[in-house]
Amino acid sequence: MISNITQSYYSAKEFTCTTCDLHFAKAKYLAKHNLKHHGIKYKVGRPKLDKEEIESRKESKKIHGCSTCDEKFRKKSDLHNHILSEHDGYKCSVCHKLYNEQKKLKQHIDITHQKRFACHLCDGIFGYNQSLKNHIETVHEGIKPHLCPLCGKGFSAQKALKIHILSVHEKQNHFHVHYVKVNFQQSKL
């Protein structure tokens, strides 16, 4: 005899033997008990859900809401695509690039189109004052604030220092270049 053991995910996690009233924490323990002590074989599985419960569960996972029309989405990327396609998003008046948030558009304009900080020593233009300061210090003044603790060599960027330590002091070369030999044959048309 084969019976089914199922449990709703929202019900109490307790399974009771209908023959001897013993309680089990998991369906598989009840199934083993019934087979061993009562000779009843159970098929353990998830409960069949009706369409309403399936839709309800899908809706409960939608946590990213559109501020324009109150529609909700499971993934942030789906919300982003919705705003761009249904509400035209926020369009840059200079390059027509679309953004799903006004603050992202403002940041884009500030950095890309309104580079306000020009270097007086070269043609460099920067979106942030700190970027200009870093540029002047490292390019024009030769300041290399990132010093190797092992040999004292200076670097203008933290990333360059890390590469130096890995490749020189730890003898690791993470920058392998692989060449593939390809033979091309000329086809006659």
Protein backbone atom coordinates (compact mmCIF):
# COMPACT_ATOMS: atom_id res chain seq x y z
CA MET A 1 0.00 0.00 0.00
CA ILE A 2 1.41 3.40 -1.01
CA SER A 3 0.08 6.64 0.48
CA ASN A 4 1.15 10.26 0.13
CA ILE A 5 2.59 12.44 2.89
CA THR A 6 2.43 16.14 2.13
CA GLN A 7 2.64 19.25 4.23
CA SER A 8 1.68 22.82 3.57
CA TYR A 9 4.65 25.15 3.93
CA TYR A 10 2.56 27.42 6.13
CA SER A 11 1.27 24.75 8.53
CA ALA A 12 2.97 23.50 11.69
CA LYS A 13 5.96 21.31 10.94
CA GLU A 14 4.69 18.25 12.73
CA PHE A 15 3.71 14.90 11.25
CA THR A 16 1.55 12.44 13.15
CA CYS A 17 1.24 8.72 12.55
CA THR A 18 -2.46 7.94 11.99
CA THR A 19 -1.98 4.41 13.34
CA CYS A 20 -0.22 5.00 16.68
CA ASP A 21 -0.35 8.82 17.13
CA LEU A 22 3.45 9.28 17.34
CA HIS A 23 4.68 12.73 16.24
CA PHE A 24 7.62 13.41 13.92
CA ALA A 25 9.42 16.61 12.94
CA LYS A 26 9.85 15.60 9.29
CA ALA A 27 7.75 13.71 6.79
CA LYS A 28 10.63 11.39 5.92
CA TYR A 29 10.87 10.26 9.58
CA LEU A 30 7.15 9.45 9.61
CA ALA A 31 7.51 7.56 6.32
CA LYS A 32 10.37 5.45 7.73
CA HIS A 33 8.39 4.78 10.93
CA ASN A 34 5.30 3.63 9.04
CA LEU A 35 7.29 1.35 6.76
CA LYS A 36 9.23 -0.23 9.65
CA HIS A 37 6.42 -0.55 12.22
CA HIS A 38 3.20 -0.71 10.20
CA GLY A 39 4.32 -1.98 6.77
CA ILE A 40 2.89 1.09 5.02
CA LYS A 41 4.97 2.70 2.29
CA TYR A 42 4.59 6.45 1.86
CA LYS A 43 5.59 8.72 -0.97
CA VAL A 44 6.98 11.95 0.51
CA GLY A 45 6.62 15.09 -1.58
CA ARG A 46 5.56 18.68 -1.82
CA PRO A 47 1.87 19.47 -1.72
CA LYS A 48 0.00 20.24 -4.91
CA LEU A 49 -0.82 23.94 -4.93
CA ASP A 50 -3.83 25.49 -6.56
CA LYS A 51 -3.42 28.39 -9.01
CA GLU A 52 -4.45 30.98 -6.42
CA GLU A 53 -1.77 29.91 -3.93
CA ILE A 54 0.89 29.81 -6.67
CA GLU A 55 -0.01 33.36 -7.74
CA SER A 56 -0.09 34.50 -4.12
CA ARG A 57 3.43 33.18 -3.54
CA LYS A 58 4.69 34.83 -6.72
CA GLU A 59 3.19 38.17 -5.64
CA SER A 60 4.76 37.96 -2.17
CA LYS A 61 8.22 37.73 -3.79
CA LYS A 62 7.74 40.98 -5.69
CA ILE A 63 9.59 43.50 -3.53
CA HIS A 64 10.77 46.14 -6.03
CA GLY A 65 7.97 48.67 -6.59
CA CYS A 66 7.56 51.24 -9.33
CA SER A 67 7.09 54.70 -7.84
CA THR A 68 5.05 55.84 -10.84
CA CYS A 69 2.40 53.11 -11.20
CA ASP A 70 2.85 50.93 -8.09
CA GLU A 71 3.55 47.77 -10.13
CA LYS A 72 5.92 45.38 -8.32
CA PHE A 73 8.72 43.13 -9.54
CA ARG A 74 10.83 40.30 -8.13
CA LYS A 75 14.10 41.55 -9.62
CA LYS A 76 15.49 45.07 -9.60
CA SER A 77 16.50 44.64 -13.25
CA ASP A 78 12.86 43.93 -14.17
CA LEU A 79 11.79 47.15 -12.43
CA HIS A 80 14.53 49.03 -14.27
CA ASN A 81 13.35 47.68 -17.65
CA HIS A 82 9.73 48.46 -16.76
CA ILE A 83 10.50 52.10 -15.95
CA LEU A 84 12.51 52.54 -19.14
CA SER A 85 9.90 50.94 -21.40
CA GLU A 86 6.64 52.05 -19.74
CA HIS A 87 7.52 55.44 -18.28
CA ASP A 88 10.38 56.53 -20.57
CA GLY A 89 12.69 56.66 -17.57
CA TYR A 90 14.82 59.74 -17.09
CA LYS A 91 16.48 60.75 -20.35
CA CYS A 92 19.71 62.71 -20.61
CA SER A 93 19.06 65.79 -22.74
CA VAL A 94 22.62 65.71 -24.11
CA CYS A 95 23.24 62.07 -25.12
CA HIS A 96 19.69 60.63 -24.66
CA LYS A 97 20.88 57.84 -22.36
CA LEU A 98 18.06 56.50 -20.15
CA TYR A 99 18.13 56.04 -16.37
CA ASN A 100 15.55 54.54 -14.05
CA GLU A 101 16.26 57.02 -11.23
CA GLN A 102 16.56 60.78 -11.37
CA LYS A 103 19.58 60.79 -9.04
CA LYS A 104 21.44 58.45 -11.42
CA LEU A 105 20.68 60.80 -14.31
CA LYS A 106 21.98 63.77 -12.30
CA GLN A 107 25.15 61.87 -11.42
CA HIS A 108 25.62 60.97 -15.10
CA ILE A 109 25.23 64.59 -16.21
CA ASP A 110 27.56 65.87 -13.50
CA ILE A 111 30.31 63.40 -14.35
CA THR A 112 29.93 63.06 -18.13
CA HIS A 113 28.65 66.38 -19.41
CA GLN A 114 29.52 68.95 -16.76
CA LYS A 115 33.13 68.17 -16.02
CA ARG A 116 33.80 71.29 -13.99
CA PHE A 117 37.34 70.75 -12.76
CA ALA A 118 40.03 71.54 -15.35
CA CYS A 119 43.72 70.94 -14.78
CA HIS A 120 45.71 74.18 -15.21
CA LEU A 121 48.80 72.19 -16.23
CA CYS A 122 47.31 70.11 -19.05
CA ASP A 123 44.02 69.58 -20.91
CA GLY A 124 42.62 67.21 -18.28
CA ILE A 125 39.02 67.81 -17.16
CA PHE A 126 37.51 65.98 -14.19
CA GLY A 127 34.05 65.43 -12.73
CA TYR A 128 35.18 65.74 -9.14
CA ASN A 129 37.56 68.12 -7.40
CA GLN A 130 39.21 65.18 -5.60
CA SER A 131 39.90 63.53 -8.96
CA LEU A 132 41.64 66.71 -10.14
CA LYS A 133 43.72 66.87 -6.93
CA ASN A 134 44.77 63.21 -7.33
CA HIS A 135 45.67 63.87 -10.98
CA ILE A 136 47.88 66.88 -10.18
CA GLU A 137 49.64 65.08 -7.32
CA THR A 138 50.37 61.87 -9.20
CA VAL A 139 50.90 63.09 -12.78
CA HIS A 140 52.39 66.56 -12.46
CA GLU A 141 54.01 66.54 -9.01
CA GLY A 142 55.18 62.93 -9.16
CA ILE A 143 53.77 62.07 -5.74
CA LYS A 144 53.40 58.35 -5.29
CA PRO A 145 51.52 57.91 -2.01
CA HIS A 146 51.26 54.11 -2.18
CA LEU A 147 54.60 52.71 -1.00
CA CYS A 148 55.58 49.05 -1.15
CA PRO A 149 56.24 47.87 2.43
CA LEU A 150 58.82 45.37 1.14
CA CYS A 151 61.04 47.49 -1.09
CA GLY A 152 59.81 51.07 -0.71
CA LYS A 153 58.94 51.63 -4.36
CA GLY A 154 56.14 54.18 -4.80
CA PHE A 155 53.00 53.95 -6.89
CA SER A 156 50.34 56.48 -7.78
CA ALA A 157 47.50 53.95 -7.46
CA GLN A 158 46.73 51.28 -4.86
CA LYS A 159 45.94 48.77 -7.62
CA ALA A 160 49.41 49.24 -9.15
CA LEU A 161 50.98 48.55 -5.73
CA LYS A 162 48.98 45.32 -5.36
CA ILE A 163 50.08 44.14 -8.82
CA HIS A 164 53.70 44.99 -7.94
CA ILE A 165 53.62 42.98 -4.70
CA LEU A 166 52.03 39.97 -6.39
CA SER A 167 54.26 39.93 -9.44
CA VAL A 168 57.61 41.00 -7.92
CA HIS A 169 57.63 39.87 -4.30
CA GLU A 170 55.27 36.92 -4.40
CA LYS A 171 56.37 35.84 -7.89
CA GLN A 172 52.79 35.46 -9.06
CA ASN A 173 51.86 36.43 -12.55
CA HIS A 174 48.10 36.75 -12.80
CA PHE A 175 48.33 38.33 -16.20
CA HIS A 176 48.89 35.36 -18.48
CA VAL A 177 48.58 35.98 -22.17
CA HIS A 178 47.56 32.97 -24.18
CA TYR A 179 48.27 32.84 -27.89
CA VAL A 180 46.28 30.57 -30.12
CA LYS A 181 47.69 29.60 -33.48
CA VAL A 182 45.02 29.83 -36.11
CA ASN A 183 45.47 28.76 -39.70
CA PHE A 184 43.30 30.39 -42.28
CA GLN A 185 42.86 28.94 -45.69
CA GLN A 186 41.83 31.10 -48.57
CA SER A 187 38.67 29.85 -50.18
CA LYS A 188 38.13 30.13 -53.89
CA LEU A 189 34.82 31.61 -54.88
